[in-house]
Amino acid sequence: MSSVGRASSIRNIGPVSTAWLAEVGVESLEDLERVGSVEAYRRVREQRPQKASLNLLWALQGALMELHWADVPDEIKEQLLEELG
């Protein structure tokens, strides 16, 4: 299976975000689990600073928590923002 095929199976992640993640070495849910949502988001933001919004961070965390991105609790979002710095 191609890397796009694997990454596209990550919950909350559409085709554009899948491509962005692949560019930074996050090609599967296992990769995302290894690097974490904040680091994956940082990597994408470095490559695409005008494109990647915080919704991507929420989507990545939601994927790790098996939640829709909009259902990530506010306290988790606050923790992610603190970690992001």
PDB file of N, CA and C in Angstrom:
ATOM      1  N   MET A   1       0.852  -1.181   0.000  1.00  0.00           N
ATOM      2  CA  MET A   1       0.000   0.000   0.000  1.00  0.00           C
ATOM      3  C   MET A   1       0.891   1.235   0.000  1.00  0.00           C
ATOM      4  N   SER A   2       0.509   2.241  -0.723  1.00  0.00           N
ATOM      5  CA  SER A   2       1.308   3.463  -0.793  1.00  0.00           C
ATOM      6  C   SER A   2       1.232   4.224   0.516  1.00  0.00           C
ATOM      7  N   SER A   3       2.185   5.142   0.724  1.00  0.00           N
ATOM      8  CA  SER A   3       2.157   5.944   1.943  1.00  0.00           C
ATOM      9  C   SER A   3       0.905   6.795   2.003  1.00  0.00           C
ATOM     10  N   VAL A   4       0.445   7.286   0.865  1.00  0.00           N
ATOM     11  CA  VAL A   4      -0.771   8.077   0.859  1.00  0.00           C
ATOM     12  C   VAL A   4      -1.943   7.216   1.286  1.00  0.00           C
ATOM     13  N   GLY A   5      -1.989   5.988   0.832  1.00  0.00           N
ATOM     14  CA  GLY A   5      -3.054   5.078   1.235  1.00  0.00           C
ATOM     15  C   GLY A   5      -3.059   4.835   2.729  1.00  0.00           C
ATOM     16  N   ARG A   6      -1.887   4.672   3.312  1.00  0.00           N
ATOM     17  CA  ARG A   6      -1.835   4.449   4.761  1.00  0.00           C
ATOM     18  C   ARG A   6      -2.247   5.696   5.518  1.00  0.00           C
ATOM     19  N   ALA A   7      -1.675   6.837   5.179  1.00  0.00           N
ATOM     20  CA  ALA A   7      -1.969   8.062   5.911  1.00  0.00           C
ATOM     21  C   ALA A   7      -3.419   8.475   5.735  1.00  0.00           C
ATOM     22  N   SER A   8      -3.992   8.199   4.572  1.00  0.00           N
ATOM     23  CA  SER A   8      -5.373   8.608   4.347  1.00  0.00           C
ATOM     24  C   SER A   8      -6.332   7.822   5.220  1.00  0.00           C
ATOM     25  N   SER A   9      -5.857   6.742   5.817  1.00  0.00           N
ATOM     26  CA  SER A   9      -6.726   5.981   6.709  1.00  0.00           C
ATOM     27  C   SER A   9      -6.709   6.540   8.135  1.00  0.00           C
ATOM     28  N   ILE A  10      -5.920   7.584   8.383  1.00  0.00           N
ATOM     29  CA  ILE A  10      -5.906   8.207   9.703  1.00  0.00           C
ATOM     30  C   ILE A  10      -7.178   9.026   9.864  1.00  0.00           C
ATOM     31  N   ARG A  11      -7.876   8.768  10.930  1.00  0.00           N
ATOM     32  CA  ARG A  11      -9.117   9.487  11.224  1.00  0.00           C
ATOM     33  C   ARG A  11      -8.884  10.993  11.192  1.00  0.00           C
ATOM     34  N   ASN A  12      -9.833  11.744  10.650  1.00  0.00           N
ATOM     35  CA  ASN A  12      -9.829  13.209  10.585  1.00  0.00           C
ATOM     36  C   ASN A  12      -8.918  13.796   9.517  1.00  0.00           C
ATOM     37  N   ILE A  13      -8.143  12.982   8.835  1.00  0.00           N
ATOM     38  CA  ILE A  13      -7.123  13.497   7.937  1.00  0.00           C
ATOM     39  C   ILE A  13      -7.548  13.282   6.486  1.00  0.00           C
ATOM     40  N   GLY A  14      -7.762  14.400   5.797  1.00  0.00           N
ATOM     41  CA  GLY A  14      -8.164  14.352   4.401  1.00  0.00           C
ATOM     42  C   GLY A  14      -6.970  14.298   3.468  1.00  0.00           C
ATOM     43  N   PRO A  15      -7.237  14.339   2.168  1.00  0.00           N
ATOM     44  CA  PRO A  15      -6.153  14.163   1.193  1.00  0.00           C
ATOM     45  C   PRO A  15      -5.079  15.253   1.220  1.00  0.00           C
ATOM     46  N   VAL A  16      -5.445  16.490   1.445  1.00  0.00           N
ATOM     47  CA  VAL A  16      -4.443  17.562   1.479  1.00  0.00           C
ATOM     48  C   VAL A  16      -3.544  17.402   2.701  1.00  0.00           C
ATOM     49  N   SER A  17      -4.152  17.208   3.862  1.00  0.00           N
ATOM     50  CA  SER A  17      -3.365  17.011   5.085  1.00  0.00           C
ATOM     51  C   SER A  17      -2.536  15.743   5.003  1.00  0.00           C
ATOM     52  N   THR A  18      -3.054  14.717   4.352  1.00  0.00           N
ATOM     53  CA  THR A  18      -2.303  13.481   4.152  1.00  0.00           C
ATOM     54  C   THR A  18      -1.011  13.761   3.395  1.00  0.00           C
ATOM     55  N   ALA A  19      -1.116  14.557   2.349  1.00  0.00           N
ATOM     56  CA  ALA A  19       0.069  14.897   1.555  1.00  0.00           C
ATOM     57  C   ALA A  19       1.060  15.709   2.383  1.00  0.00           C
ATOM     58  N   TRP A  20       0.550  16.678   3.149  1.00  0.00           N
ATOM     59  CA  TRP A  20       1.423  17.486   4.002  1.00  0.00           C
ATOM     60  C   TRP A  20       2.156  16.608   5.008  1.00  0.00           C
ATOM     61  N   LEU A  21       1.440  15.688   5.620  1.00  0.00           N
ATOM     62  CA  LEU A  21       2.057  14.803   6.617  1.00  0.00           C
ATOM     63  C   LEU A  21       3.111  13.913   5.975  1.00  0.00           C
ATOM     64  N   ALA A  22       2.816  13.402   4.799  1.00  0.00           N
ATOM     65  CA  ALA A  22       3.791  12.550   4.108  1.00  0.00           C
ATOM     66  C   ALA A  22       5.077  13.327   3.820  1.00  0.00           C
ATOM     67  N   GLU A  23       4.944  14.612   3.502  1.00  0.00           N
ATOM     68  CA  GLU A  23       6.123  15.448   3.235  1.00  0.00           C
ATOM     69  C   GLU A  23       7.052  15.543   4.440  1.00  0.00           C
ATOM     70  N   VAL A  24       6.491  15.383   5.639  1.00  0.00           N
ATOM     71  CA  VAL A  24       7.296  15.525   6.854  1.00  0.00           C
ATOM     72  C   VAL A  24       7.531  14.185   7.549  1.00  0.00           C
ATOM     73  N   GLY A  25       7.271  13.086   6.836  1.00  0.00           N
ATOM     74  CA  GLY A  25       7.610  11.768   7.349  1.00  0.00           C
ATOM     75  C   GLY A  25       6.565  11.105   8.224  1.00  0.00           C
ATOM     76  N   VAL A  26       5.357  11.627   8.233  1.00  0.00           N
ATOM     77  CA  VAL A  26       4.273  10.998   8.992  1.00  0.00           C
ATOM     78  C   VAL A  26       3.352  10.349   7.973  1.00  0.00           C
ATOM     79  N   GLU A  27       3.535   9.046   7.802  1.00  0.00           N
ATOM     80  CA  GLU A  27       2.845   8.336   6.728  1.00  0.00           C
ATOM     81  C   GLU A  27       1.865   7.292   7.231  1.00  0.00           C
ATOM     82  N   SER A  28       1.716   7.178   8.544  1.00  0.00           N
ATOM     83  CA  SER A  28       0.798   6.188   9.090  1.00  0.00           C
ATOM     84  C   SER A  28       0.394   6.614  10.502  1.00  0.00           C
ATOM     85  N   LEU A  29      -0.621   5.964  11.012  1.00  0.00           N
ATOM     86  CA  LEU A  29      -1.024   6.225  12.395  1.00  0.00           C
ATOM     87  C   LEU A  29       0.115   5.880  13.344  1.00  0.00           C
ATOM     88  N   GLU A  30       0.865   4.858  13.029  1.00  0.00           N
ATOM     89  CA  GLU A  30       2.011   4.483  13.865  1.00  0.00           C
ATOM     90  C   GLU A  30       3.055   5.596  13.895  1.00  0.00           C
ATOM     91  N   ASP A  31       3.301   6.220  12.738  1.00  0.00           N
ATOM     92  CA  ASP A  31       4.228   7.363  12.706  1.00  0.00           C
ATOM     93  C   ASP A  31       3.712   8.494  13.582  1.00  0.00           C
ATOM     94  N   LEU A  32       2.411   8.773  13.482  1.00  0.00           N
ATOM     95  CA  LEU A  32       1.809   9.837  14.284  1.00  0.00           C
ATOM     96  C   LEU A  32       1.914   9.518  15.761  1.00  0.00           C
ATOM     97  N   GLU A  33       1.668   8.276  16.130  1.00  0.00           N
ATOM     98  CA  GLU A  33       1.798   7.879  17.535  1.00  0.00           C
ATOM     99  C   GLU A  33       3.230   8.057  18.015  1.00  0.00           C
ATOM    100  N   ARG A  34       4.189   7.756  17.151  1.00  0.00           N
ATOM    101  CA  ARG A  34       5.608   7.857  17.523  1.00  0.00           C
ATOM    102  C   ARG A  34       6.030   9.307  17.732  1.00  0.00           C
ATOM    103  N   VAL A  35       5.645  10.212  16.816  1.00  0.00           N
ATOM    104  CA  VAL A  35       6.117  11.593  16.918  1.00  0.00           C
ATOM    105  C   VAL A  35       5.190  12.483  17.741  1.00  0.00           C
ATOM    106  N   GLY A  36       3.935  12.109  17.836  1.00  0.00           N
ATOM    107  CA  GLY A  36       2.977  12.898  18.598  1.00  0.00           C
ATOM    108  C   GLY A  36       2.336  13.983  17.751  1.00  0.00           C
ATOM    109  N   SER A  37       1.180  14.420  18.196  1.00  0.00           N
ATOM    110  CA  SER A  37       0.412  15.395  17.414  1.00  0.00           C
ATOM    111  C   SER A  37       1.110  16.750  17.326  1.00  0.00           C
ATOM    112  N   VAL A  38       1.705  17.205  18.414  1.00  0.00           N
ATOM    113  CA  VAL A  38       2.336  18.526  18.408  1.00  0.00           C
ATOM    114  C   VAL A  38       3.550  18.540  17.482  1.00  0.00           C
ATOM    115  N   GLU A  39       4.388  17.539  17.553  1.00  0.00           N
ATOM    116  CA  GLU A  39       5.572  17.504  16.688  1.00  0.00           C
ATOM    117  C   GLU A  39       5.174  17.361  15.228  1.00  0.00           C
ATOM    118  N   ALA A  40       4.194  16.532  14.932  1.00  0.00           N
ATOM    119  CA  ALA A  40       3.727  16.400  13.547  1.00  0.00           C
ATOM    120  C   ALA A  40       3.203  17.739  13.042  1.00  0.00           C
ATOM    121  N   TYR A  41       2.432  18.425  13.869  1.00  0.00           N
ATOM    122  CA  TYR A  41       1.902  19.735  13.503  1.00  0.00           C
ATOM    123  C   TYR A  41       3.033  20.742  13.282  1.00  0.00           C
ATOM    124  N   ARG A  42       4.022  20.745  14.177  1.00  0.00           N
ATOM    125  CA  ARG A  42       5.175  21.652  14.024  1.00  0.00           C
ATOM    126  C   ARG A  42       5.870  21.433  12.684  1.00  0.00           C
ATOM    127  N   ARG A  43       6.065  20.167  12.350  1.00  0.00           N
ATOM    128  CA  ARG A  43       6.753  19.850  11.099  1.00  0.00           C
ATOM    129  C   ARG A  43       5.975  20.373   9.895  1.00  0.00           C
ATOM    130  N   VAL A  44       4.662  20.185   9.911  1.00  0.00           N
ATOM    131  CA  VAL A  44       3.845  20.684   8.806  1.00  0.00           C
ATOM    132  C   VAL A  44       3.876  22.202   8.764  1.00  0.00           C
ATOM    133  N   ARG A  45       3.769  22.845   9.923  1.00  0.00           N
ATOM    134  CA  ARG A  45       3.789  24.317   9.971  1.00  0.00           C
ATOM    135  C   ARG A  45       5.099  24.877   9.437  1.00  0.00           C
ATOM    136  N   GLU A  46       6.201  24.177   9.680  1.00  0.00           N
ATOM    137  CA  GLU A  46       7.488  24.633   9.146  1.00  0.00           C
ATOM    138  C   GLU A  46       7.484  24.609   7.621  1.00  0.00           C
ATOM    139  N   GLN A  47       6.846  23.605   7.043  1.00  0.00           N
ATOM    140  CA  GLN A  47       6.789  23.468   5.586  1.00  0.00           C
ATOM    141  C   GLN A  47       5.703  24.343   4.966  1.00  0.00           C
ATOM    142  N   ARG A  48       4.611  24.537   5.674  1.00  0.00           N
ATOM    143  CA  ARG A  48       3.436  25.229   5.131  1.00  0.00           C
ATOM    144  C   ARG A  48       2.875  26.219   6.156  1.00  0.00           C
ATOM    145  N   PRO A  49       3.651  27.246   6.503  1.00  0.00           N
ATOM    146  CA  PRO A  49       3.230  28.153   7.580  1.00  0.00           C
ATOM    147  C   PRO A  49       1.939  28.913   7.289  1.00  0.00           C
ATOM    148  N   GLN A  50       1.618  29.152   6.052  1.00  0.00           N
ATOM    149  CA  GLN A  50       0.398  29.892   5.729  1.00  0.00           C
ATOM    150  C   GLN A  50      -0.815  28.980   5.547  1.00  0.00           C
ATOM    151  N   LYS A  51      -0.619  27.689   5.562  1.00  0.00           N
ATOM    152  CA  LYS A  51      -1.690  26.758   5.230  1.00  0.00           C
ATOM    153  C   LYS A  51      -2.230  25.992   6.440  1.00  0.00           C
ATOM    154  N   ALA A  52      -1.354  25.498   7.281  1.00  0.00           N
ATOM    155  CA  ALA A  52      -1.767  24.608   8.376  1.00  0.00           C
ATOM    156  C   ALA A  52      -2.349  25.423   9.532  1.00  0.00           C
ATOM    157  N   SER A  53      -3.613  25.197   9.826  1.00  0.00           N
ATOM    158  CA  SER A  53      -4.260  25.892  10.938  1.00  0.00           C
ATOM    159  C   SER A  53      -4.270  24.992  12.171  1.00  0.00           C
ATOM    160  N   LEU A  54      -4.731  25.551  13.270  1.00  0.00           N
ATOM    161  CA  LEU A  54      -4.841  24.753  14.493  1.00  0.00           C
ATOM    162  C   LEU A  54      -5.828  23.601  14.333  1.00  0.00           C
ATOM    163  N   ASN A  55      -6.735  23.691  13.389  1.00  0.00           N
ATOM    164  CA  ASN A  55      -7.635  22.563  13.163  1.00  0.00           C
ATOM    165  C   ASN A  55      -6.862  21.303  12.816  1.00  0.00           C
ATOM    166  N   LEU A  56      -5.705  21.452  12.148  1.00  0.00           N
ATOM    167  CA  LEU A  56      -4.875  20.280  11.866  1.00  0.00           C
ATOM    168  C   LEU A  56      -4.369  19.677  13.164  1.00  0.00           C
ATOM    169  N   LEU A  57      -3.947  20.493  14.093  1.00  0.00           N
ATOM    170  CA  LEU A  57      -3.484  19.983  15.384  1.00  0.00           C
ATOM    171  C   LEU A  57      -4.609  19.244  16.093  1.00  0.00           C
ATOM    172  N   TRP A  58      -5.802  19.829  16.092  1.00  0.00           N
ATOM    173  CA  TRP A  58      -6.936  19.159  16.741  1.00  0.00           C
ATOM    174  C   TRP A  58      -7.239  17.840  16.029  1.00  0.00           C
ATOM    175  N   ALA A  59      -7.147  17.834  14.711  1.00  0.00           N
ATOM    176  CA  ALA A  59      -7.418  16.607  13.949  1.00  0.00           C
ATOM    177  C   ALA A  59      -6.396  15.521  14.268  1.00  0.00           C
ATOM    178  N   LEU A  60      -5.133  15.917  14.368  1.00  0.00           N
ATOM    179  CA  LEU A  60      -4.091  14.940  14.693  1.00  0.00           C
ATOM    180  C   LEU A  60      -4.308  14.359  16.082  1.00  0.00           C
ATOM    181  N   GLN A  61      -4.604  15.222  17.047  1.00  0.00           N
ATOM    182  CA  GLN A  61      -4.848  14.733  18.403  1.00  0.00           C
ATOM    183  C   GLN A  61      -6.105  13.877  18.433  1.00  0.00           C
ATOM    184  N   GLY A  62      -7.126  14.302  17.721  1.00  0.00           N
ATOM    185  CA  GLY A  62      -8.350  13.504  17.644  1.00  0.00           C
ATOM    186  C   GLY A  62      -8.080  12.117  17.082  1.00  0.00           C
ATOM    187  N   ALA A  63      -7.220  12.035  16.090  1.00  0.00           N
ATOM    188  CA  ALA A  63      -6.864  10.731  15.525  1.00  0.00           C
ATOM    189  C   ALA A  63      -6.224   9.844  16.580  1.00  0.00           C
ATOM    190  N   LEU A  64      -5.346  10.424  17.387  1.00  0.00           N
ATOM    191  CA  LEU A  64      -4.697   9.642  18.447  1.00  0.00           C
ATOM    192  C   LEU A  64      -5.682   9.216  19.533  1.00  0.00           C
ATOM    193  N   MET A  65      -6.699  10.022  19.749  1.00  0.00           N
ATOM    194  CA  MET A  65      -7.683   9.738  20.799  1.00  0.00           C
ATOM    195  C   MET A  65      -8.915   8.999  20.266  1.00  0.00           C
ATOM    196  N   GLU A  66      -8.911   8.733  18.955  1.00  0.00           N
ATOM    197  CA  GLU A  66     -10.044   8.087  18.292  1.00  0.00           C
ATOM    198  C   GLU A  66     -11.321   8.908  18.446  1.00  0.00           C
ATOM    199  N   LEU A  67     -11.165  10.231  18.261  1.00  0.00           N
ATOM    200  CA  LEU A  67     -12.271  11.180  18.344  1.00  0.00           C
ATOM    201  C   LEU A  67     -12.328  12.008  17.069  1.00  0.00           C
ATOM    202  N   HIS A  68     -13.509  12.523  16.764  1.00  0.00           N
ATOM    203  CA  HIS A  68     -13.620  13.539  15.721  1.00  0.00           C
ATOM    204  C   HIS A  68     -12.860  14.756  16.226  1.00  0.00           C
ATOM    205  N   TRP A  69     -12.234  15.489  15.326  1.00  0.00           N
ATOM    206  CA  TRP A  69     -11.404  16.630  15.748  1.00  0.00           C
ATOM    207  C   TRP A  69     -12.178  17.645  16.578  1.00  0.00           C
ATOM    208  N   ALA A  70     -13.459  17.827  16.296  1.00  0.00           N
ATOM    209  CA  ALA A  70     -14.254  18.814  17.027  1.00  0.00           C
ATOM    210  C   ALA A  70     -14.603  18.348  18.440  1.00  0.00           C
ATOM    211  N   ASP A  71     -14.398  17.067  18.716  1.00  0.00           N
ATOM    212  CA  ASP A  71     -14.714  16.518  20.031  1.00  0.00           C
ATOM    213  C   ASP A  71     -13.514  16.444  20.971  1.00  0.00           C
ATOM    214  N   VAL A  72     -12.357  16.925  20.514  1.00  0.00           N
ATOM    215  CA  VAL A  72     -11.191  16.969  21.408  1.00  0.00           C
ATOM    216  C   VAL A  72     -11.526  17.957  22.523  1.00  0.00           C
ATOM    217  N   PRO A  73     -11.452  17.519  23.778  1.00  0.00           N
ATOM    218  CA  PRO A  73     -11.833  18.395  24.892  1.00  0.00           C
ATOM    219  C   PRO A  73     -10.979  19.665  24.963  1.00  0.00           C
ATOM    220  N   ASP A  74     -11.610  20.736  25.410  1.00  0.00           N
ATOM    221  CA  ASP A  74     -10.920  22.025  25.506  1.00  0.00           C
ATOM    222  C   ASP A  74      -9.667  21.946  26.368  1.00  0.00           C
ATOM    223  N   GLU A  75      -9.716  21.182  27.448  1.00  0.00           N
ATOM    224  CA  GLU A  75      -8.529  21.091  28.310  1.00  0.00           C
ATOM    225  C   GLU A  75      -7.368  20.419  27.581  1.00  0.00           C
ATOM    226  N   ILE A  76      -7.656  19.486  26.700  1.00  0.00           N
ATOM    227  CA  ILE A  76      -6.599  18.858  25.895  1.00  0.00           C
ATOM    228  C   ILE A  76      -6.058  19.872  24.895  1.00  0.00           C
ATOM    229  N   LYS A  77      -6.940  20.649  24.278  1.00  0.00           N
ATOM    230  CA  LYS A  77      -6.498  21.693  23.346  1.00  0.00           C
ATOM    231  C   LYS A  77      -5.578  22.679  24.046  1.00  0.00           C
ATOM    232  N   GLU A  78      -5.927  23.060  25.270  1.00  0.00           N
ATOM    233  CA  GLU A  78      -5.082  23.978  26.035  1.00  0.00           C
ATOM    234  C   GLU A  78      -3.710  23.371  26.299  1.00  0.00           C
ATOM    235  N   GLN A  79      -3.682  22.083  26.663  1.00  0.00           N
ATOM    236  CA  GLN A  79      -2.410  21.412  26.886  1.00  0.00           C
ATOM    237  C   GLN A  79      -1.560  21.374  25.610  1.00  0.00           C
ATOM    238  N   LEU A  80      -2.217  21.113  24.483  1.00  0.00           N
ATOM    239  CA  LEU A  80      -1.493  21.085  23.209  1.00  0.00           C
ATOM    240  C   LEU A  80      -0.893  22.457  22.884  1.00  0.00           C
ATOM    241  N   LEU A  81      -1.667  23.505  23.118  1.00  0.00           N
ATOM    242  CA  LEU A  81      -1.171  24.864  22.869  1.00  0.00           C
ATOM    243  C   LEU A  81       0.007  25.194  23.773  1.00  0.00           C
ATOM    244  N   GLU A  82      -0.044  24.743  25.024  1.00  0.00           N
ATOM    245  CA  GLU A  82       1.076  24.962  25.948  1.00  0.00           C
ATOM    246  C   GLU A  82       2.309  24.230  25.446  1.00  0.00           C
ATOM    247  N   GLU A  83       2.127  22.989  25.013  1.00  0.00           N
ATOM    248  CA  GLU A  83       3.250  22.205  24.504  1.00  0.00           C
ATOM    249  C   GLU A  83       3.811  22.826  23.229  1.00  0.00           C
ATOM    250  N   LEU A  84       2.930  23.363  22.411  1.00  0.00           N
ATOM    251  CA  LEU A  84       3.347  24.020  21.175  1.00  0.00           C
ATOM    252  C   LEU A  84       4.183  25.253  21.460  1.00  0.00           C
ATOM    253  N   GLY A  85       3.863  25.907  22.573  1.00  0.00           N
ATOM    254  CA  GLY A  85       4.627  27.083  22.991  1.00  0.00           C
ATOM    255  C   GLY A  85       4.176  28.287  22.255  1.00  0.00           C
TER     256      GLY A  85
END
